[in-house]
């Protein structure tokens, strides 16, 4: 079968992605090696079966990319990624896992993608394309605002740009993202998420609701000091008293 081609964009590096595969299941490693062999621009330089070996080989081989399992004996994948992220020039990380519940922690570590097992070749190739597109980009400063989310959808996790999210509702220890008529549930508290969102783009209007600023079309006074937000889609959302001054300030009042 011919290898899949990943075109390089103008100005991007064209050298192969030196890739380290990390998984404690031998058959999973073998499958990843076979898939990688069919993707142009990917060269497997080593494999590791646990987190300690992954860190040791990453130090010795300086790979460009880790295809990293999450659940392993000893040091897990999140810990490996966290330790490598402290390096001056850390490798890109694509998490490859059978578990979808670690997505929030994964995007906190600025992983490139999160691919669910069993890995489909075209799905991994799309993830590798993302690595290629980001090669050579300037590393952003720590504490940057969230630019995107990974959300469960059918049998995989898809990326949703933060700018597409119109409203975020709290549901106990989860948040529900509302995106153009769809909604997605994430394991994350609304207060923790608020701290990661750009305040120039989002505003909290209630203890259980955050809205995108440009999704607000107006404010409505209901009487007795009660105010509501009117959205571009015609919804009316109650403003909590604690958050009313900030919402009024946004409106220049």
Protein backbone atom coordinates (compact mmCIF):
# COMPACT_ATOMS: atom_id res chain seq x y z
CA UNK A 1 0.00 0.00 0.00
CA UNK A 2 1.43 3.44 -0.87
CA UNK A 3 2.35 5.73 1.96
CA UNK A 4 0.01 8.60 2.81
CA UNK A 5 1.46 11.96 1.88
CA UNK A 6 1.49 14.92 4.28
CA UNK A 7 2.26 18.04 2.25
CA UNK A 8 4.50 20.63 3.85
CA UNK A 9 3.18 24.18 3.83
CA UNK A 10 5.34 27.06 2.67
CA UNK A 11 8.08 27.87 5.17
CA UNK A 12 7.56 24.72 7.23
CA UNK A 13 10.21 22.17 8.05
CA UNK A 14 10.24 19.14 5.76
CA UNK A 15 12.49 16.80 7.75
CA UNK A 16 10.74 13.63 9.01
CA UNK A 17 9.04 13.67 12.41
CA UNK A 18 11.31 11.56 14.61
CA UNK A 19 8.70 9.63 16.56
CA UNK A 20 8.78 7.69 19.83
CA UNK A 21 5.93 5.23 20.45
CA UNK A 22 5.06 4.64 24.11
CA UNK A 23 2.60 1.87 25.06
CA UNK A 24 2.69 -1.03 27.49
CA UNK A 25 0.81 -3.34 25.09
CA UNK A 26 3.14 -5.00 22.52
CA UNK A 27 0.35 -5.47 19.99
CA UNK A 28 -0.57 -1.78 20.27
CA UNK A 29 3.07 -0.79 19.64
CA UNK A 30 3.21 -3.10 16.63
CA UNK A 31 -0.01 -1.61 15.21
CA UNK A 32 1.30 1.93 15.66
CA UNK A 33 4.56 1.00 13.92
CA UNK A 34 2.64 -0.40 10.94
CA UNK A 35 0.45 2.71 10.69
CA UNK A 36 3.42 5.06 11.02
CA UNK A 37 5.28 3.19 8.29
CA UNK A 38 2.47 4.15 5.91
CA UNK A 39 2.59 7.87 6.71
CA UNK A 40 5.12 9.91 4.79
CA UNK A 41 7.07 12.28 6.99
CA UNK A 42 7.09 10.00 10.06
CA UNK A 43 10.14 8.03 11.18
CA UNK A 44 9.89 5.81 14.27
CA UNK A 45 13.15 6.14 16.22
CA UNK A 46 12.19 4.03 19.22
CA UNK A 47 9.53 2.41 21.38
CA UNK A 48 8.99 2.30 25.13
CA UNK A 49 6.72 0.11 27.24
CA UNK A 50 6.47 2.32 30.34
CA UNK A 51 6.80 5.91 31.49
CA UNK A 52 10.30 5.61 32.92
CA UNK A 53 11.64 4.19 29.66
CA UNK A 54 9.80 6.89 27.74
CA UNK A 55 11.51 9.67 29.70
CA UNK A 56 14.89 7.97 29.39
CA UNK A 57 14.56 7.48 25.62
CA UNK A 58 13.14 10.96 25.09
CA UNK A 59 16.25 12.35 26.74
CA UNK A 60 18.56 10.18 24.65
CA UNK A 61 16.81 10.43 21.27
CA UNK A 62 15.28 13.94 21.35
CA UNK A 63 12.21 12.91 19.33
CA UNK A 64 9.97 15.44 17.60
CA UNK A 65 6.80 13.52 18.48
CA UNK A 66 5.56 11.12 21.14
CA UNK A 67 2.65 8.79 20.44
CA UNK A 68 1.87 8.32 24.10
CA UNK A 69 -0.45 5.92 25.90
CA UNK A 70 -2.09 7.29 29.05
CA UNK A 71 -2.52 4.29 31.34
CA UNK A 72 0.72 2.44 32.02
CA UNK A 73 2.26 0.81 35.08
CA UNK A 74 4.43 3.15 37.14
CA UNK A 75 4.68 6.58 35.57
CA UNK A 76 1.56 7.26 33.48
CA UNK A 77 1.33 9.17 30.21
CA UNK A 78 0.11 12.42 31.77
CA UNK A 79 3.13 12.48 34.07
CA UNK A 80 5.48 11.81 31.15
CA UNK A 81 3.94 14.66 29.15
CA UNK A 82 4.05 16.99 32.15
CA UNK A 83 7.75 16.32 32.78
CA UNK A 84 8.67 16.74 29.12
CA UNK A 85 6.69 19.98 28.85
CA UNK A 86 9.19 21.61 31.19
CA UNK A 87 12.00 21.20 28.68
CA UNK A 88 13.28 24.08 26.57
CA UNK A 89 12.18 22.39 23.34
CA UNK A 90 9.68 19.66 24.28
CA UNK A 91 8.45 17.11 21.72
CA UNK A 92 4.90 17.29 20.41
CA UNK A 93 2.55 14.83 22.10
CA UNK A 94 -0.36 12.89 20.65
CA UNK A 95 -2.13 10.86 23.32
CA UNK A 96 -3.27 7.43 22.12
CA UNK A 97 -5.60 5.77 24.58
CA UNK A 98 -8.68 3.65 25.13
CA UNK A 99 -10.00 6.15 27.68
CA UNK A 100 -11.75 9.44 26.92
CA UNK A 101 -12.05 10.78 30.48
CA UNK A 102 -8.58 12.38 30.53
CA UNK A 103 -9.25 14.92 27.78
CA UNK A 104 -9.33 17.95 30.09
CA UNK A 105 -5.95 17.11 31.61
CA UNK A 106 -4.59 16.44 28.13
CA UNK A 107 -5.44 19.83 26.66
CA UNK A 108 -4.12 21.49 29.83
CA UNK A 109 -0.74 20.00 28.82
CA UNK A 110 -1.06 21.45 25.30
CA UNK A 111 -1.07 18.05 23.63
CA UNK A 112 -1.58 18.19 19.88
CA UNK A 113 -4.34 15.59 19.77
CA UNK A 114 -6.09 12.78 21.62
CA UNK A 115 -6.70 9.64 19.55
CA UNK A 116 -8.89 6.83 20.83
CA UNK A 117 -8.08 3.14 20.40
CA UNK A 118 -8.50 1.15 18.26
CA UNK A 119 -6.53 3.64 16.19
CA UNK A 120 -7.79 4.23 12.66
CA UNK A 121 -4.95 5.05 10.22
CA UNK A 122 -6.71 8.10 8.79
CA UNK A 123 -7.41 9.42 12.29
CA UNK A 124 -3.72 9.18 13.25
CA UNK A 125 -2.70 10.79 9.98
CA UNK A 126 -4.98 13.77 10.73
CA UNK A 127 -3.33 14.09 14.13
CA UNK A 128 0.14 14.00 12.54
CA UNK A 129 -0.94 16.72 10.11
CA UNK A 130 -1.64 18.90 13.12
CA UNK A 131 1.90 18.34 14.36
CA UNK A 132 3.32 19.23 10.96
CA UNK A 133 1.23 22.41 10.79
CA UNK A 134 2.58 23.55 14.15
CA UNK A 135 6.25 22.80 13.55
CA UNK A 136 8.37 25.88 13.86
CA UNK A 137 5.67 27.94 15.52
CA UNK A 138 6.69 30.12 18.43
CA UNK A 139 5.96 28.50 21.77
CA UNK A 140 3.27 30.48 23.56
CA UNK A 141 3.81 31.71 27.08
CA UNK A 142 2.52 29.68 30.04
CA UNK A 143 -0.88 30.76 31.25
CA UNK A 144 -2.25 31.35 27.78
CA UNK A 145 -6.03 31.31 27.41
CA UNK A 146 -7.71 28.21 26.12
CA UNK A 147 -8.02 28.33 22.35
CA UNK A 148 -9.84 25.01 21.89
CA UNK A 149 -11.55 22.10 23.61
CA UNK A 150 -11.52 18.35 23.08
CA UNK A 151 -15.06 17.05 23.36
CA UNK A 152 -16.47 13.49 23.26
CA UNK A 153 -18.42 12.89 20.06
CA UNK A 154 -19.55 9.40 19.03
CA UNK A 155 -16.49 7.16 19.14
CA UNK A 156 -13.79 9.83 19.24
CA UNK A 157 -12.85 13.23 20.60
CA UNK A 158 -13.12 16.25 18.33
CA UNK A 159 -11.68 19.73 18.71
CA UNK A 160 -13.96 22.72 19.17
CA UNK A 161 -12.44 26.22 18.86
CA UNK A 162 -13.18 28.31 21.94
CA UNK A 163 -14.51 31.06 19.69
CA UNK A 164 -17.30 28.72 18.50
CA UNK A 165 -18.65 28.17 22.02
CA UNK A 166 -21.69 30.37 22.62
CA UNK A 167 -22.58 29.38 26.18
CA UNK A 168 -21.24 27.19 28.97
CA UNK A 169 -23.55 25.78 31.65
CA UNK A 170 -22.52 24.13 34.92
CA UNK A 171 -23.88 20.64 35.61
CA UNK A 172 -22.43 19.62 38.99
CA UNK A 173 -18.80 18.61 38.31
CA UNK A 174 -19.31 18.93 34.56
CA UNK A 175 -19.79 21.77 32.10
CA UNK A 176 -21.94 21.69 28.98
CA UNK A 177 -20.61 23.56 25.96
CA UNK A 178 -23.25 24.92 23.57
CA UNK A 179 -21.94 25.18 20.00
CA UNK A 180 -24.22 26.09 17.08
CA UNK A 181 -27.15 23.91 18.08
CA UNK A 182 -25.04 21.10 19.55
CA UNK A 183 -23.92 20.53 23.14
CA UNK A 184 -20.99 18.63 24.60
CA UNK A 185 -20.33 17.54 28.18
CA UNK A 186 -16.90 17.85 29.79
CA UNK A 187 -15.64 16.77 33.20
CA UNK A 188 -14.60 20.21 34.49
CA UNK A 189 -15.94 22.68 37.07
CA UNK A 190 -17.22 25.97 35.72
CA UNK A 191 -15.01 27.97 38.10
CA UNK A 192 -11.89 26.07 37.00
CA UNK A 193 -12.80 26.58 33.37
CA UNK A 194 -13.52 30.30 33.86
CA UNK A 195 -9.92 30.79 34.99
CA UNK A 196 -8.69 29.38 31.65
CA UNK A 197 -10.97 31.44 29.38
CA UNK A 198 -10.03 34.79 27.87
CA UNK A 199 -12.02 37.45 29.81
CA UNK A 200 -12.02 39.60 26.68
CA UNK A 201 -14.00 36.87 24.93
CA UNK A 202 -16.16 35.34 27.70
CA UNK A 203 -18.06 36.69 30.70
CA UNK A 204 -19.68 34.86 33.59
CA UNK A 205 -23.26 36.00 34.12
CA UNK A 206 -24.37 33.51 36.77
CA UNK A 207 -22.75 30.97 39.07
CA UNK A 208 -23.88 28.32 36.58
CA UNK A 209 -23.44 30.15 33.25
CA UNK A 210 -20.71 31.74 31.11
CA UNK A 211 -21.46 33.34 27.74
CA UNK A 212 -19.35 34.53 24.85
CA UNK A 213 -19.45 38.33 24.90
CA UNK A 214 -20.42 38.77 21.26
CA UNK A 215 -23.26 36.26 21.76
CA UNK A 216 -25.00 38.85 23.98
CA UNK A 217 -27.41 41.02 21.98
CA UNK A 218 -28.84 43.01 24.89
CA UNK A 219 -29.75 43.31 28.57
CA UNK A 220 -33.28 43.25 29.91
CA UNK A 221 -34.48 44.69 33.22
CA UNK A 222 -37.12 42.39 34.67
CA UNK A 223 -37.90 44.65 37.64
CA UNK A 224 -37.01 44.51 41.35
CA UNK A 225 -33.31 44.60 40.46
CA UNK A 226 -33.51 41.47 38.32
CA UNK A 227 -31.69 41.58 34.96
CA UNK A 228 -31.34 39.09 32.11
CA UNK A 229 -29.10 38.67 29.09
CA UNK A 230 -30.72 38.39 25.69
CA UNK A 231 -28.68 36.33 23.24
CA UNK A 232 -28.28 36.45 19.48
CA UNK A 233 -30.43 33.30 19.25
CA UNK A 234 -33.29 34.88 21.19
CA UNK A 235 -32.64 33.15 24.52
CA UNK A 236 -33.12 34.93 27.84
CA UNK A 237 -30.57 34.06 30.54
CA UNK A 238 -30.85 35.25 34.12
CA UNK A 239 -27.94 37.34 35.47
CA UNK A 240 -26.86 36.52 39.01
CA UNK A 241 -26.65 39.50 41.37
CA UNK A 242 -22.97 38.83 42.06
CA UNK A 243 -22.17 39.10 38.35
CA UNK A 244 -24.51 41.99 37.45
CA UNK A 245 -21.93 44.82 37.92
CA UNK A 246 -19.47 43.18 35.52
CA UNK A 247 -22.20 42.54 32.93
CA UNK A 248 -23.40 46.14 33.17
CA UNK A 249 -19.81 47.36 32.82
CA UNK A 250 -19.52 45.30 29.63
CA UNK A 251 -22.56 47.16 28.34
CA UNK A 252 -21.08 50.52 29.35
CA UNK A 253 -23.57 51.15 32.15
